Structure formats: structure tokens, C-alpha cells
């Protein structure tokens, strides 16, 4: 929650065109408030369609627990998804996942023009 009144906001577009290797950016607050508004850069490395019906954008953007719920953007400041998870463990790096904007719009039952 923010008390600040922002002069602009991201536009929600349900038909955002994304392709493999598109450069993307994650914005968030990883770990603590001292690291707030951190920006990480990477690429789209895959599109995943899970058997459960869940669609995901796979990226190598560096994300941490405080990035969850933050935006995934591509230039020029186009909102393409919400950061939701990463896979970590011994010898695993650079596997993070985001919910695509079209699914966010559907899940929230938003009317986007």
C-alpha cells in the first residue's frame, strides 16, 4: 500500500506480444526495505503451460521473495506479468516464473479496453 498519489500507472493490455529472448525487468523489494525498488534484468527463456491450466513466463531475471507480486516489464515500460516464484537449490540458478498479464486480467475479472 502506498499513500503517495502516482501521476502515471501501467496500462493493462491483454494482448501484449512477448517472444523468447525478449529483454525483461523485475521490480521489487527483495529481502528488506533497505533494498526497496530494486530492478533486475534478464530475458524470457520459455513459456510454460502447466497441466493444471496455469500459464507461466519463465525468465532468468534474478528474483527473491520480496519480488513476488511485483511487475515484470519489457521496454518501453510495458507490463507483461507478475513475478510469483523461482526455483532454487544446489546447482540451480536463474529459474523464475511470472503470471502473464492476460491471466492476471482474467483472474481479477478486470474489464480492459
C-alpha atoms as a PDB file:
ATOM      1  CA  UNK A   1       0.000   0.000   0.000  1.00  0.00           C
ATOM      2  CA  UNK A   2       1.233   3.441  -0.849  1.00  0.00           C
ATOM      3  CA  UNK A   3      -0.001   6.770   0.446  1.00  0.00           C
ATOM      4  CA  UNK A   4       1.675   8.514  -2.498  1.00  0.00           C
ATOM      5  CA  UNK A   5      -0.506   9.553  -5.442  1.00  0.00           C
ATOM      6  CA  UNK A   6       1.350   8.432  -8.546  1.00  0.00           C
ATOM      7  CA  UNK A   7       0.968  10.593 -11.677  1.00  0.00           C
ATOM      8  CA  UNK A   8       1.059   7.555 -14.004  1.00  0.00           C
ATOM      9  CA  UNK A   9       0.302   3.853 -13.829  1.00  0.00           C
ATOM     10  CA  UNK A  10       0.991   0.846 -16.011  1.00  0.00           C
ATOM     11  CA  UNK A  11      -1.632   0.245 -18.642  1.00  0.00           C
ATOM     12  CA  UNK A  12      -3.051  -3.249 -18.693  1.00  0.00           C
ATOM     13  CA  UNK A  13      -3.107  -4.756 -22.166  1.00  0.00           C
ATOM     14  CA  UNK A  14      -4.399  -8.275 -22.594  1.00  0.00           C
ATOM     15  CA  UNK A  15      -2.714  -8.740 -25.976  1.00  0.00           C
ATOM     16  CA  UNK A  16       0.917  -7.951 -25.114  1.00  0.00           C
ATOM     17  CA  UNK A  17       3.285  -9.564 -27.605  1.00  0.00           C
ATOM     18  CA  UNK A  18       6.198 -11.349 -25.921  1.00  0.00           C
ATOM     19  CA  UNK A  19       8.765 -13.610 -27.525  1.00  0.00           C
ATOM     20  CA  UNK A  20      11.639 -15.799 -26.406  1.00  0.00           C
ATOM     21  CA  UNK A  21      14.773 -13.764 -25.619  1.00  0.00           C
ATOM     22  CA  UNK A  22      12.816 -10.512 -25.104  1.00  0.00           C
ATOM     23  CA  UNK A  23      14.640  -8.396 -22.525  1.00  0.00           C
ATOM     24  CA  UNK A  24      12.595  -8.065 -19.307  1.00  0.00           C
ATOM     25  CA  UNK A  25      12.878  -6.305 -15.949  1.00  0.00           C
ATOM     26  CA  UNK A  26      11.570  -7.248 -12.494  1.00  0.00           C
ATOM     27  CA  UNK A  27      10.924  -4.533  -9.906  1.00  0.00           C
ATOM     28  CA  UNK A  28      10.549  -5.317  -6.233  1.00  0.00           C
ATOM     29  CA  UNK A  29      11.840  -5.247  -2.699  1.00  0.00           C
ATOM     30  CA  UNK A  30      13.979  -8.335  -2.245  1.00  0.00           C
ATOM     31  CA  UNK A  31      14.727  -9.323   1.337  1.00  0.00           C
ATOM     32  CA  UNK A  32      14.256  -5.992   3.170  1.00  0.00           C
ATOM     33  CA  UNK A  33      13.096  -2.384   2.848  1.00  0.00           C
ATOM     34  CA  UNK A  34      16.721  -1.258   2.590  1.00  0.00           C
ATOM     35  CA  UNK A  35      16.736  -2.923  -0.840  1.00  0.00           C
ATOM     36  CA  UNK A  36      13.408  -1.450  -1.972  1.00  0.00           C
ATOM     37  CA  UNK A  37      12.663  -0.675  -5.620  1.00  0.00           C
ATOM     38  CA  UNK A  38      15.400  -2.946  -6.937  1.00  0.00           C
ATOM     39  CA  UNK A  39      15.424  -3.562 -10.689  1.00  0.00           C
ATOM     40  CA  UNK A  40      16.783  -6.802 -12.177  1.00  0.00           C
ATOM     41  CA  UNK A  41      17.254  -7.515 -15.879  1.00  0.00           C
ATOM     42  CA  UNK A  42      17.014 -10.755 -17.835  1.00  0.00           C
ATOM     43  CA  UNK A  43      15.296 -12.422 -20.766  1.00  0.00           C
ATOM     44  CA  UNK A  44      12.234 -14.532 -21.396  1.00  0.00           C
ATOM     45  CA  UNK A  45      13.573 -18.059 -21.617  1.00  0.00           C
ATOM     46  CA  UNK A  46      10.350 -20.072 -22.063  1.00  0.00           C
ATOM     47  CA  UNK A  47       6.573 -20.074 -21.938  1.00  0.00           C
ATOM     48  CA  UNK A  48       5.120 -22.831 -19.762  1.00  0.00           C
ATOM     49  CA  UNK A  49       1.586 -24.224 -19.936  1.00  0.00           C
ATOM     50  CA  UNK A  50       1.105 -26.485 -16.934  1.00  0.00           C
ATOM     51  CA  UNK A  51      -1.294 -29.452 -16.971  1.00  0.00           C
ATOM     52  CA  UNK A  52      -3.267 -27.675 -14.236  1.00  0.00           C
ATOM     53  CA  UNK A  53      -4.066 -24.893 -16.725  1.00  0.00           C
ATOM     54  CA  UNK A  54      -1.578 -22.457 -15.195  1.00  0.00           C
ATOM     55  CA  UNK A  55       0.368 -20.409 -17.742  1.00  0.00           C
ATOM     56  CA  UNK A  56       3.796 -19.074 -16.801  1.00  0.00           C
ATOM     57  CA  UNK A  57       6.503 -16.917 -18.297  1.00  0.00           C
ATOM     58  CA  UNK A  58       9.894 -18.410 -17.449  1.00  0.00           C
ATOM     59  CA  UNK A  59      12.719 -15.921 -17.147  1.00  0.00           C
ATOM     60  CA  UNK A  60      16.279 -15.714 -15.893  1.00  0.00           C
ATOM     61  CA  UNK A  61      15.626 -12.423 -14.079  1.00  0.00           C
ATOM     62  CA  UNK A  62      17.124 -12.516 -10.595  1.00  0.00           C
ATOM     63  CA  UNK A  63      14.205 -12.562  -8.145  1.00  0.00           C
ATOM     64  CA  UNK A  64      13.913 -13.101  -4.402  1.00  0.00           C
ATOM     65  CA  UNK A  65      10.939 -13.461  -2.034  1.00  0.00           C
ATOM     66  CA  UNK A  66      10.328  -9.681  -1.889  1.00  0.00           C
ATOM     67  CA  UNK A  67       9.963  -9.534  -5.674  1.00  0.00           C
ATOM     68  CA  UNK A  68       6.821 -11.692  -5.593  1.00  0.00           C
ATOM     69  CA  UNK A  69       3.818  -9.648  -6.627  1.00  0.00           C
ATOM     70  CA  UNK A  70       5.994  -7.094  -8.391  1.00  0.00           C
ATOM     71  CA  UNK A  71       5.781  -6.312 -12.085  1.00  0.00           C
ATOM     72  CA  UNK A  72       7.645  -7.956 -14.928  1.00  0.00           C
ATOM     73  CA  UNK A  73       8.191  -5.339 -17.628  1.00  0.00           C
ATOM     74  CA  UNK A  74       9.615  -5.097 -21.108  1.00  0.00           C
ATOM     75  CA  UNK A  75      10.685  -1.912 -22.875  1.00  0.00           C
ATOM     76  CA  UNK A  76       9.219   0.656 -23.104  1.00  0.00           C
ATOM     77  CA  UNK A  77       7.689   0.059 -19.628  1.00  0.00           C
ATOM     78  CA  UNK A  78       5.139  -2.491 -20.844  1.00  0.00           C
ATOM     79  CA  UNK A  79       3.624  -4.561 -18.042  1.00  0.00           C
ATOM     80  CA  UNK A  80       3.753  -8.225 -19.104  1.00  0.00           C
ATOM     81  CA  UNK A  81       3.234 -10.116 -15.848  1.00  0.00           C
ATOM     82  CA  UNK A  82       3.560 -10.520 -12.108  1.00  0.00           C
ATOM     83  CA  UNK A  83       6.548 -12.221 -10.502  1.00  0.00           C
ATOM     84  CA  UNK A  84       5.367 -15.214  -8.494  1.00  0.00           C
ATOM     85  CA  UNK A  85       8.123 -17.771  -7.890  1.00  0.00           C
ATOM     86  CA  UNK A  86      11.586 -19.120  -8.502  1.00  0.00           C
ATOM     87  CA  UNK A  87      13.266 -22.479  -8.308  1.00  0.00           C
ATOM     88  CA  UNK A  88      16.355 -22.595  -6.159  1.00  0.00           C
ATOM     89  CA  UNK A  89      18.665 -25.218  -4.840  1.00  0.00           C
ATOM     90  CA  UNK A  90      22.060 -26.741  -5.286  1.00  0.00           C
ATOM     91  CA  UNK A  91      23.308 -26.001  -8.827  1.00  0.00           C
ATOM     92  CA  UNK A  92      20.034 -24.265  -9.859  1.00  0.00           C
ATOM     93  CA  UNK A  93      20.142 -20.598 -10.816  1.00  0.00           C
ATOM     94  CA  UNK A  94      18.123 -18.276 -12.989  1.00  0.00           C
ATOM     95  CA  UNK A  95      14.744 -20.014 -12.988  1.00  0.00           C
ATOM     96  CA  UNK A  96      11.979 -17.603 -12.108  1.00  0.00           C
ATOM     97  CA  UNK A  97       8.345 -17.565 -13.143  1.00  0.00           C
ATOM     98  CA  UNK A  98       5.715 -14.908 -13.729  1.00  0.00           C
ATOM     99  CA  UNK A  99       1.978 -14.938 -14.328  1.00  0.00           C
ATOM    100  CA  UNK A 100       1.221 -13.387 -17.750  1.00  0.00           C
ATOM    101  CA  UNK A 101      -0.802 -10.161 -17.776  1.00  0.00           C
ATOM    102  CA  UNK A 102      -3.673 -11.758 -19.737  1.00  0.00           C
ATOM    103  CA  UNK A 103      -4.129 -14.278 -16.918  1.00  0.00           C
ATOM    104  CA  UNK A 104      -3.900 -11.560 -14.253  1.00  0.00           C
ATOM    105  CA  UNK A 105      -6.699  -9.681 -16.025  1.00  0.00           C
ATOM    106  CA  UNK A 106      -8.789 -12.866 -16.184  1.00  0.00           C
ATOM    107  CA  UNK A 107      -8.135 -13.911 -12.545  1.00  0.00           C
ATOM    108  CA  UNK A 108      -9.069 -10.439 -11.295  1.00  0.00           C
ATOM    109  CA  UNK A 109     -12.089 -10.277 -13.610  1.00  0.00           C
ATOM    110  CA  UNK A 110     -10.989  -6.900 -14.963  1.00  0.00           C
ATOM    111  CA  UNK A 111     -12.632  -5.195 -17.917  1.00  0.00           C
ATOM    112  CA  UNK A 112      -9.723  -3.983 -20.065  1.00  0.00           C
ATOM    113  CA  UNK A 113     -10.411  -1.939 -23.178  1.00  0.00           C
END
